[in-house]
């Protein structure tokens, strides 16, 4: 039986901000008919209710559980009963650029076939929930975007990921990766530097055509699209939270030619980096 290709989709907010957080209460959530994938990693910390999710298997979630969704991993909601949870999404290459790649280990284990659910002990839940509340409050209380705001948000994200990593030490491990897992891991760790499809293929010991086909069938996006999405996410972060020149940002996200960067950014966002930055600044005033 042929496996259905997942639909590649992203939440609109994730295209503007490298970190998004919100508390959700869905009393009558509608089950999803189709598997979807995202360019960002996400997690859900359940504070009440129950739900059943498909993500490399089926998982029953209840209070205290954290669902880990790696970037590119097909998933969908199957059933929900008065679920309440904190939802968090973040740019994976941005975290790696901070030198915190080790904190992504729980997500890597999910990709390798390990447990997608981590259980937070009762004694740690109030502290854990407090990190989400503070992360949400920081965005609300500090109008505008600045390097300070960016640093505070990333620090809180680091604490959240550290708590997940701590709780995941006893969860079921994976059995090893494959071409898709290895290619995504390599792209996430290297896409902010010079990187080509040929280099990705060489890293996983397959042909460029094979890697492109495998990634597209598994995630709905090609290898080149994954490289571009990682670069664009970090570029948006730098445009939002710094006053660096476009030429400098282009170099920092892997483009030696700033003209090429501007062209790629406009293709992805419908505006040049300068125009997008100005529009975001106007929206915050």
C-alpha atoms as a PDB file:
ATOM      1  CA  UNK A   1       0.000   0.000   0.000  1.00  0.00           C
ATOM      2  CA  UNK A   2       1.465   3.335  -1.042  1.00  0.00           C
ATOM      3  CA  UNK A   3       2.119   5.725   1.812  1.00  0.00           C
ATOM      4  CA  UNK A   4       0.340   9.061   1.498  1.00  0.00           C
ATOM      5  CA  UNK A   5       2.676  12.021   1.302  1.00  0.00           C
ATOM      6  CA  UNK A   6       2.134  14.409   4.248  1.00  0.00           C
ATOM      7  CA  UNK A   7       1.073  17.972   3.622  1.00  0.00           C
ATOM      8  CA  UNK A   8       3.817  20.539   4.299  1.00  0.00           C
ATOM      9  CA  UNK A   9       2.330  23.460   6.209  1.00  0.00           C
ATOM     10  CA  UNK A  10       3.425  26.082   8.729  1.00  0.00           C
ATOM     11  CA  UNK A  11       1.532  28.221  11.220  1.00  0.00           C
ATOM     12  CA  UNK A  12       1.590  31.850   9.975  1.00  0.00           C
ATOM     13  CA  UNK A  13       3.070  33.126  13.248  1.00  0.00           C
ATOM     14  CA  UNK A  14       6.076  30.843  12.889  1.00  0.00           C
ATOM     15  CA  UNK A  15       7.054  32.618   9.670  1.00  0.00           C
ATOM     16  CA  UNK A  16       7.531  35.865  11.541  1.00  0.00           C
ATOM     17  CA  UNK A  17       8.955  34.846  14.899  1.00  0.00           C
ATOM     18  CA  UNK A  18      11.655  32.278  15.738  1.00  0.00           C
ATOM     19  CA  UNK A  19       9.854  31.307  18.977  1.00  0.00           C
ATOM     20  CA  UNK A  20       6.073  31.162  19.482  1.00  0.00           C
ATOM     21  CA  UNK A  21       4.172  30.076  22.588  1.00  0.00           C
ATOM     22  CA  UNK A  22       0.511  29.992  23.587  1.00  0.00           C
ATOM     23  CA  UNK A  23      -1.840  28.137  25.913  1.00  0.00           C
ATOM     24  CA  UNK A  24      -4.636  26.229  24.180  1.00  0.00           C
ATOM     25  CA  UNK A  25      -7.911  24.891  25.523  1.00  0.00           C
ATOM     26  CA  UNK A  26      -9.823  22.824  22.975  1.00  0.00           C
ATOM     27  CA  UNK A  27     -12.989  21.304  24.356  1.00  0.00           C
ATOM     28  CA  UNK A  28     -14.147  19.931  21.013  1.00  0.00           C
ATOM     29  CA  UNK A  29     -11.065  19.624  18.816  1.00  0.00           C
ATOM     30  CA  UNK A  30     -11.721  18.238  15.338  1.00  0.00           C
ATOM     31  CA  UNK A  31      -9.571  15.224  14.391  1.00  0.00           C
ATOM     32  CA  UNK A  32      -7.212  15.903  11.493  1.00  0.00           C
ATOM     33  CA  UNK A  33      -7.796  13.911   8.317  1.00  0.00           C
ATOM     34  CA  UNK A  34      -4.274  14.324   6.934  1.00  0.00           C
ATOM     35  CA  UNK A  35      -0.749  14.083   8.274  1.00  0.00           C
ATOM     36  CA  UNK A  36       1.144  17.393   8.226  1.00  0.00           C
ATOM     37  CA  UNK A  37       4.745  18.482   8.641  1.00  0.00           C
ATOM     38  CA  UNK A  38       6.332  21.780   9.729  1.00  0.00           C
ATOM     39  CA  UNK A  39       9.723  23.398   9.176  1.00  0.00           C
ATOM     40  CA  UNK A  40       9.943  24.203  12.890  1.00  0.00           C
ATOM     41  CA  UNK A  41      10.177  21.899  15.913  1.00  0.00           C
ATOM     42  CA  UNK A  42       7.286  21.968  18.359  1.00  0.00           C
ATOM     43  CA  UNK A  43       6.244  20.586  21.706  1.00  0.00           C
ATOM     44  CA  UNK A  44       3.012  20.479  23.650  1.00  0.00           C
ATOM     45  CA  UNK A  45       2.914  20.355  27.456  1.00  0.00           C
ATOM     46  CA  UNK A  46      -0.452  18.987  28.572  1.00  0.00           C
ATOM     47  CA  UNK A  47      -2.006  20.634  31.614  1.00  0.00           C
ATOM     48  CA  UNK A  48      -5.375  18.899  31.407  1.00  0.00           C
ATOM     49  CA  UNK A  49      -7.680  16.660  29.419  1.00  0.00           C
ATOM     50  CA  UNK A  50      -6.645  13.850  27.124  1.00  0.00           C
ATOM     51  CA  UNK A  51      -5.778  13.412  23.468  1.00  0.00           C
ATOM     52  CA  UNK A  52      -4.521  10.814  21.034  1.00  0.00           C
ATOM     53  CA  UNK A  53      -1.929  11.774  18.426  1.00  0.00           C
ATOM     54  CA  UNK A  54      -0.367   9.986  15.477  1.00  0.00           C
ATOM     55  CA  UNK A  55       3.353  10.638  15.201  1.00  0.00           C
ATOM     56  CA  UNK A  56       5.486   7.649  14.221  1.00  0.00           C
ATOM     57  CA  UNK A  57       2.888   5.537  16.030  1.00  0.00           C
ATOM     58  CA  UNK A  58      -0.046   6.510  18.247  1.00  0.00           C
ATOM     59  CA  UNK A  59       0.348   8.264  21.589  1.00  0.00           C
ATOM     60  CA  UNK A  60      -2.156   8.877  24.374  1.00  0.00           C
ATOM     61  CA  UNK A  61      -1.503  12.163  26.150  1.00  0.00           C
ATOM     62  CA  UNK A  62      -2.656  13.325  29.580  1.00  0.00           C
ATOM     63  CA  UNK A  63      -1.730  15.893  32.212  1.00  0.00           C
ATOM     64  CA  UNK A  64       2.019  16.116  32.706  1.00  0.00           C
ATOM     65  CA  UNK A  65       2.921  14.719  29.270  1.00  0.00           C
ATOM     66  CA  UNK A  66       5.036  16.550  26.716  1.00  0.00           C
ATOM     67  CA  UNK A  67       4.574  15.693  23.037  1.00  0.00           C
ATOM     68  CA  UNK A  68       7.731  16.255  20.980  1.00  0.00           C
ATOM     69  CA  UNK A  69       7.320  17.041  17.273  1.00  0.00           C
ATOM     70  CA  UNK A  70      10.616  17.272  15.361  1.00  0.00           C
ATOM     71  CA  UNK A  71      10.739  19.456  12.276  1.00  0.00           C
ATOM     72  CA  UNK A  72       9.624  17.434   9.279  1.00  0.00           C
ATOM     73  CA  UNK A  73       7.945  14.659  11.304  1.00  0.00           C
ATOM     74  CA  UNK A  74       4.449  13.796   9.957  1.00  0.00           C
ATOM     75  CA  UNK A  75       1.760  14.008  12.637  1.00  0.00           C
ATOM     76  CA  UNK A  76      -1.929  14.617  13.238  1.00  0.00           C
ATOM     77  CA  UNK A  77      -4.517  14.813  16.016  1.00  0.00           C
ATOM     78  CA  UNK A  78      -6.711  11.708  16.191  1.00  0.00           C
ATOM     79  CA  UNK A  79      -8.840  12.428  19.247  1.00  0.00           C
ATOM     80  CA  UNK A  80      -9.106  15.082  21.956  1.00  0.00           C
ATOM     81  CA  UNK A  81     -11.165  15.349  25.134  1.00  0.00           C
ATOM     82  CA  UNK A  82     -11.166  18.758  26.809  1.00  0.00           C
ATOM     83  CA  UNK A  83      -7.443  19.048  26.168  1.00  0.00           C
ATOM     84  CA  UNK A  84      -5.466  21.946  27.609  1.00  0.00           C
ATOM     85  CA  UNK A  85      -1.815  22.417  26.762  1.00  0.00           C
ATOM     86  CA  UNK A  86       1.021  24.855  26.249  1.00  0.00           C
ATOM     87  CA  UNK A  87       2.161  24.880  22.625  1.00  0.00           C
ATOM     88  CA  UNK A  88       5.684  25.959  21.739  1.00  0.00           C
ATOM     89  CA  UNK A  89       7.411  26.120  18.356  1.00  0.00           C
ATOM     90  CA  UNK A  90      10.935  27.200  17.543  1.00  0.00           C
ATOM     91  CA  UNK A  91      13.501  27.418  14.764  1.00  0.00           C
ATOM     92  CA  UNK A  92      15.890  24.448  15.040  1.00  0.00           C
ATOM     93  CA  UNK A  93      18.907  25.970  13.205  1.00  0.00           C
ATOM     94  CA  UNK A  94      18.564  29.067  15.428  1.00  0.00           C
ATOM     95  CA  UNK A  95      18.982  26.901  18.539  1.00  0.00           C
ATOM     96  CA  UNK A  96      21.958  25.166  16.991  1.00  0.00           C
ATOM     97  CA  UNK A  97      23.524  28.524  16.169  1.00  0.00           C
ATOM     98  CA  UNK A  98      23.370  29.333  19.904  1.00  0.00           C
ATOM     99  CA  UNK A  99      25.526  26.304  20.681  1.00  0.00           C
ATOM    100  CA  UNK A 100      22.609  24.494  22.344  1.00  0.00           C
ATOM    101  CA  UNK A 101      22.307  21.646  19.841  1.00  0.00           C
ATOM    102  CA  UNK A 102      22.777  19.084  22.630  1.00  0.00           C
ATOM    103  CA  UNK A 103      19.395  20.107  24.069  1.00  0.00           C
ATOM    104  CA  UNK A 104      17.735  18.869  20.892  1.00  0.00           C
ATOM    105  CA  UNK A 105      18.632  15.260  21.736  1.00  0.00           C
ATOM    106  CA  UNK A 106      15.048  14.330  22.790  1.00  0.00           C
ATOM    107  CA  UNK A 107      13.766  15.431  19.368  1.00  0.00           C
ATOM    108  CA  UNK A 108      16.529  13.466  17.654  1.00  0.00           C
ATOM    109  CA  UNK A 109      15.493  10.359  19.552  1.00  0.00           C
ATOM    110  CA  UNK A 110      11.932  10.775  18.275  1.00  0.00           C
ATOM    111  CA  UNK A 111      13.230  10.901  14.720  1.00  0.00           C
ATOM    112  CA  UNK A 112      15.209   7.740  15.398  1.00  0.00           C
ATOM    113  CA  UNK A 113      12.010   5.949  16.410  1.00  0.00           C
ATOM    114  CA  UNK A 114      12.072   6.672  20.133  1.00  0.00           C
ATOM    115  CA  UNK A 115       9.212   7.831  22.325  1.00  0.00           C
ATOM    116  CA  UNK A 116       7.461  11.026  21.216  1.00  0.00           C
ATOM    117  CA  UNK A 117       6.098  11.555  24.733  1.00  0.00           C
ATOM    118  CA  UNK A 118       8.047  12.676  27.797  1.00  0.00           C
ATOM    119  CA  UNK A 119       6.378  12.676  31.216  1.00  0.00           C
ATOM    120  CA  UNK A 120       7.158  15.560  33.563  1.00  0.00           C
ATOM    121  CA  UNK A 121       7.141  14.466  37.239  1.00  0.00           C
ATOM    122  CA  UNK A 122       4.390  16.064  39.338  1.00  0.00           C
ATOM    123  CA  UNK A 123       6.951  17.872  41.497  1.00  0.00           C
ATOM    124  CA  UNK A 124       8.391  19.667  38.436  1.00  0.00           C
ATOM    125  CA  UNK A 125       5.186  20.631  36.604  1.00  0.00           C
ATOM    126  CA  UNK A 126       4.508  23.991  38.245  1.00  0.00           C
ATOM    127  CA  UNK A 127       8.070  25.123  37.572  1.00  0.00           C
ATOM    128  CA  UNK A 128       7.820  23.860  33.988  1.00  0.00           C
ATOM    129  CA  UNK A 129       4.472  25.588  33.376  1.00  0.00           C
ATOM    130  CA  UNK A 130       5.934  28.766  34.850  1.00  0.00           C
ATOM    131  CA  UNK A 131       8.591  28.830  32.120  1.00  0.00           C
ATOM    132  CA  UNK A 132       5.882  28.813  29.455  1.00  0.00           C
ATOM    133  CA  UNK A 133       3.923  31.546  31.225  1.00  0.00           C
ATOM    134  CA  UNK A 134       7.016  33.707  31.542  1.00  0.00           C
ATOM    135  CA  UNK A 135       7.910  33.159  27.896  1.00  0.00           C
ATOM    136  CA  UNK A 136       4.410  34.254  26.877  1.00  0.00           C
ATOM    137  CA  UNK A 137       4.503  37.268  29.246  1.00  0.00           C
ATOM    138  CA  UNK A 138       7.858  38.471  27.945  1.00  0.00           C
ATOM    139  CA  UNK A 139       6.432  38.807  24.450  1.00  0.00           C
ATOM    140  CA  UNK A 140       3.364  40.636  25.724  1.00  0.00           C
ATOM    141  CA  UNK A 141       5.035  43.026  28.132  1.00  0.00           C
ATOM    142  CA  UNK A 142       7.975  44.100  25.997  1.00  0.00           C
ATOM    143  CA  UNK A 143       6.673  45.868  22.927  1.00  0.00           C
ATOM    144  CA  UNK A 144       8.845  45.878  19.892  1.00  0.00           C
ATOM    145  CA  UNK A 145      11.770  43.611  19.087  1.00  0.00           C
ATOM    146  CA  UNK A 146      15.243  43.979  20.500  1.00  0.00           C
ATOM    147  CA  UNK A 147      18.368  41.998  21.192  1.00  0.00           C
ATOM    148  CA  UNK A 148      17.436  41.958  24.886  1.00  0.00           C
ATOM    149  CA  UNK A 149      13.993  40.516  24.180  1.00  0.00           C
ATOM    150  CA  UNK A 150      15.539  37.934  21.881  1.00  0.00           C
ATOM    151  CA  UNK A 151      18.084  36.939  24.544  1.00  0.00           C
ATOM    152  CA  UNK A 152      15.410  36.561  27.258  1.00  0.00           C
ATOM    153  CA  UNK A 153      13.172  34.443  25.028  1.00  0.00           C
ATOM    154  CA  UNK A 154      16.043  32.203  23.979  1.00  0.00           C
ATOM    155  CA  UNK A 155      17.133  31.783  27.609  1.00  0.00           C
ATOM    156  CA  UNK A 156      13.639  30.657  28.592  1.00  0.00           C
ATOM    157  CA  UNK A 157      13.528  28.286  25.612  1.00  0.00           C
ATOM    158  CA  UNK A 158      16.847  26.826  26.747  1.00  0.00           C
ATOM    159  CA  UNK A 159      15.435  26.184  30.233  1.00  0.00           C
ATOM    160  CA  UNK A 160      12.363  24.489  28.748  1.00  0.00           C
ATOM    161  CA  UNK A 161      14.463  22.266  26.502  1.00  0.00           C
ATOM    162  CA  UNK A 162      16.776  21.433  29.406  1.00  0.00           C
ATOM    163  CA  UNK A 163      13.797  20.321  31.515  1.00  0.00           C
ATOM    164  CA  UNK A 164      12.533  18.115  28.672  1.00  0.00           C
ATOM    165  CA  UNK A 165      15.993  16.618  28.244  1.00  0.00           C
ATOM    166  CA  UNK A 166      16.162  15.909  31.967  1.00  0.00           C
ATOM    167  CA  UNK A 167      12.760  14.203  31.970  1.00  0.00           C
ATOM    168  CA  UNK A 168      13.465  12.211  28.811  1.00  0.00           C
ATOM    169  CA  UNK A 169      16.443  10.340  30.273  1.00  0.00           C
ATOM    170  CA  UNK A 170      14.224   7.353  31.104  1.00  0.00           C
ATOM    171  CA  UNK A 171      12.100   7.333  27.922  1.00  0.00           C
ATOM    172  CA  UNK A 172      12.284   4.656  25.232  1.00  0.00           C
ATOM    173  CA  UNK A 173      15.208   5.102  22.857  1.00  0.00           C
ATOM    174  CA  UNK A 174      15.173   4.844  19.104  1.00  0.00           C
ATOM    175  CA  UNK A 175      16.675   2.101  16.995  1.00  0.00           C
ATOM    176  CA  UNK A 176      18.689   4.250  14.616  1.00  0.00           C
ATOM    177  CA  UNK A 177      18.071   6.735  11.819  1.00  0.00           C
ATOM    178  CA  UNK A 178      17.647   6.461   8.065  1.00  0.00           C
ATOM    179  CA  UNK A 179      18.287   8.656   5.067  1.00  0.00           C
ATOM    180  CA  UNK A 180      15.530  11.150   5.928  1.00  0.00           C
ATOM    181  CA  UNK A 181      16.525  11.385   9.596  1.00  0.00           C
ATOM    182  CA  UNK A 182      20.224  11.732   8.813  1.00  0.00           C
ATOM    183  CA  UNK A 183      19.652  14.259   6.027  1.00  0.00           C
ATOM    184  CA  UNK A 184      17.430  16.478   8.176  1.00  0.00           C
ATOM    185  CA  UNK A 185      19.886  16.314  11.055  1.00  0.00           C
ATOM    186  CA  UNK A 186      22.771  17.284   8.757  1.00  0.00           C
ATOM    187  CA  UNK A 187      20.803  20.141   7.171  1.00  0.00           C
ATOM    188  CA  UNK A 188      19.711  21.575  10.523  1.00  0.00           C
ATOM    189  CA  UNK A 189      23.281  21.575  11.801  1.00  0.00           C
ATOM    190  CA  UNK A 190      24.955  23.016   8.695  1.00  0.00           C
ATOM    191  CA  UNK A 191      22.403  25.048   6.709  1.00  0.00           C
ATOM    192  CA  UNK A 192      23.615  28.395   8.083  1.00  0.00           C
ATOM    193  CA  UNK A 193      26.897  27.909   6.255  1.00  0.00           C
ATOM    194  CA  UNK A 194      27.674  27.151   2.607  1.00  0.00           C
ATOM    195  CA  UNK A 195      25.671  24.008   1.808  1.00  0.00           C
ATOM    196  CA  UNK A 196      24.505  22.295  -1.370  1.00  0.00           C
ATOM    197  CA  UNK A 197      22.260  19.353  -2.157  1.00  0.00           C
ATOM    198  CA  UNK A 198      25.339  17.471  -3.353  1.00  0.00           C
ATOM    199  CA  UNK A 199      26.986  17.908   0.062  1.00  0.00           C
ATOM    200  CA  UNK A 200      23.865  16.702   1.866  1.00  0.00           C
ATOM    201  CA  UNK A 201      23.759  13.631  -0.367  1.00  0.00           C
ATOM    202  CA  UNK A 202      27.437  12.910   0.249  1.00  0.00           C
ATOM    203  CA  UNK A 203      26.905  13.172   4.020  1.00  0.00           C
ATOM    204  CA  UNK A 204      24.240  10.436   3.955  1.00  0.00           C
ATOM    205  CA  UNK A 205      25.967   8.418   1.205  1.00  0.00           C
ATOM    206  CA  UNK A 206      23.189   8.633  -1.332  1.00  0.00           C
ATOM    207  CA  UNK A 207      22.681  10.375  -4.671  1.00  0.00           C
ATOM    208  CA  UNK A 208      21.171  13.878  -4.757  1.00  0.00           C
ATOM    209  CA  UNK A 209      18.100  12.542  -6.578  1.00  0.00           C
ATOM    210  CA  UNK A 210      17.594   9.819  -3.975  1.00  0.00           C
ATOM    211  CA  UNK A 211      17.825  12.279  -1.069  1.00  0.00           C
ATOM    212  CA  UNK A 212      15.441  14.736  -2.701  1.00  0.00           C
ATOM    213  CA  UNK A 213      12.883  12.019  -3.422  1.00  0.00           C
ATOM    214  CA  UNK A 214      13.146  10.498   0.058  1.00  0.00           C
ATOM    215  CA  UNK A 215      12.734  13.836   1.837  1.00  0.00           C
ATOM    216  CA  UNK A 216       9.872  14.975  -0.394  1.00  0.00           C
ATOM    217  CA  UNK A 217       7.947  11.739   0.094  1.00  0.00           C
ATOM    218  CA  UNK A 218       8.514  11.710   3.878  1.00  0.00           C
ATOM    219  CA  UNK A 219       8.112  15.402   4.716  1.00  0.00           C
ATOM    220  CA  UNK A 220       6.522  17.151   1.734  1.00  0.00           C
ATOM    221  CA  UNK A 221       9.673  19.245   1.218  1.00  0.00           C
ATOM    222  CA  UNK A 222      12.838  18.689  -0.787  1.00  0.00           C
ATOM    223  CA  UNK A 223      16.361  18.950   0.597  1.00  0.00           C
ATOM    224  CA  UNK A 224      16.835  22.360  -1.005  1.00  0.00           C
ATOM    225  CA  UNK A 225      13.560  23.587   0.503  1.00  0.00           C
ATOM    226  CA  UNK A 226      14.724  22.433   3.941  1.00  0.00           C
ATOM    227  CA  UNK A 227      18.005  24.309   3.515  1.00  0.00           C
ATOM    228  CA  UNK A 228      16.183  27.469   2.478  1.00  0.00           C
ATOM    229  CA  UNK A 229      13.621  27.248   5.302  1.00  0.00           C
ATOM    230  CA  UNK A 230      16.365  26.960   7.928  1.00  0.00           C
ATOM    231  CA  UNK A 231      18.212  29.942   6.510  1.00  0.00           C
ATOM    232  CA  UNK A 232      15.081  32.056   6.233  1.00  0.00           C
ATOM    233  CA  UNK A 233      14.080  31.335   9.836  1.00  0.00           C
ATOM    234  CA  UNK A 234      17.414  32.584  11.155  1.00  0.00           C
ATOM    235  CA  UNK A 235      17.322  35.541   8.757  1.00  0.00           C
ATOM    236  CA  UNK A 236      13.907  36.571  10.121  1.00  0.00           C
ATOM    237  CA  UNK A 237      15.243  36.374  13.664  1.00  0.00           C
ATOM    238  CA  UNK A 238      18.185  38.626  12.813  1.00  0.00           C
ATOM    239  CA  UNK A 239      15.970  41.060  10.918  1.00  0.00           C
ATOM    240  CA  UNK A 240      13.587  41.263  13.873  1.00  0.00           C
ATOM    241  CA  UNK A 241      16.058  41.479  16.718  1.00  0.00           C
ATOM    242  CA  UNK A 242      19.130  43.240  15.330  1.00  0.00           C
ATOM    243  CA  UNK A 243      20.047  46.217  13.208  1.00  0.00           C
ATOM    244  CA  UNK A 244      22.666  44.347  11.200  1.00  0.00           C
ATOM    245  CA  UNK A 245      23.098  45.232   7.540  1.00  0.00           C
ATOM    246  CA  UNK A 246      21.392  42.984   5.008  1.00  0.00           C
ATOM    247  CA  UNK A 247      24.780  42.014   3.586  1.00  0.00           C
ATOM    248  CA  UNK A 248      25.934  40.797   7.013  1.00  0.00           C
ATOM    249  CA  UNK A 249      22.741  38.847   7.617  1.00  0.00           C
ATOM    250  CA  UNK A 250      23.068  37.216   4.207  1.00  0.00           C
ATOM    251  CA  UNK A 251      26.545  35.977   5.075  1.00  0.00           C
ATOM    252  CA  UNK A 252      25.469  34.772   8.529  1.00  0.00           C
ATOM    253  CA  UNK A 253      22.746  32.559   7.052  1.00  0.00           C
ATOM    254  CA  UNK A 254      24.874  30.954   4.367  1.00  0.00           C
ATOM    255  CA  UNK A 255      24.682  33.286   1.350  1.00  0.00           C
ATOM    256  CA  UNK A 256      27.962  34.656   0.035  1.00  0.00           C
ATOM    257  CA  UNK A 257      26.045  36.815  -2.458  1.00  0.00           C
ATOM    258  CA  UNK A 258      23.635  39.238  -0.771  1.00  0.00           C
ATOM    259  CA  UNK A 259      21.770  39.747  -4.046  1.00  0.00           C
ATOM    260  CA  UNK A 260      20.973  36.037  -4.142  1.00  0.00           C
ATOM    261  CA  UNK A 261      19.834  36.199  -0.517  1.00  0.00           C
ATOM    262  CA  UNK A 262      17.527  39.129  -1.247  1.00  0.00           C
ATOM    263  CA  UNK A 263      16.057  37.303  -4.221  1.00  0.00           C
ATOM    264  CA  UNK A 264      15.450  34.124  -2.192  1.00  0.00           C
ATOM    265  CA  UNK A 265      13.941  36.073   0.709  1.00  0.00           C
ATOM    266  CA  UNK A 266      11.569  37.946  -1.591  1.00  0.00           C
ATOM    267  CA  UNK A 267      10.502  34.678  -3.204  1.00  0.00           C
ATOM    268  CA  UNK A 268       9.692  33.186   0.213  1.00  0.00           C
ATOM    269  CA  UNK A 269       8.079  36.259   1.834  1.00  0.00           C
ATOM    270  CA  UNK A 270       6.854  38.467  -1.002  1.00  0.00           C
ATOM    271  CA  UNK A 271       9.095  41.357   0.095  1.00  0.00           C
ATOM    272  CA  UNK A 272      12.783  42.198   0.292  1.00  0.00           C
ATOM    273  CA  UNK A 273      14.502  41.778   3.685  1.00  0.00           C
ATOM    274  CA  UNK A 274      14.568  45.563   4.190  1.00  0.00           C
ATOM    275  CA  UNK A 275      10.898  45.944   3.353  1.00  0.00           C
ATOM    276  CA  UNK A 276       9.936  42.983   5.548  1.00  0.00           C
ATOM    277  CA  UNK A 277      11.919  44.413   8.474  1.00  0.00           C
ATOM    278  CA  UNK A 278      10.253  47.801   8.059  1.00  0.00           C
ATOM    279  CA  UNK A 279       6.791  46.213   7.888  1.00  0.00           C
ATOM    280  CA  UNK A 280       7.416  44.249  11.077  1.00  0.00           C
ATOM    281  CA  UNK A 281       8.589  47.424  12.844  1.00  0.00           C
ATOM    282  CA  UNK A 282       5.433  49.287  11.788  1.00  0.00           C
ATOM    283  CA  UNK A 283       3.232  46.415  12.966  1.00  0.00           C
ATOM    284  CA  UNK A 284       4.748  46.595  16.450  1.00  0.00           C
ATOM    285  CA  UNK A 285       4.145  50.328  16.951  1.00  0.00           C
END
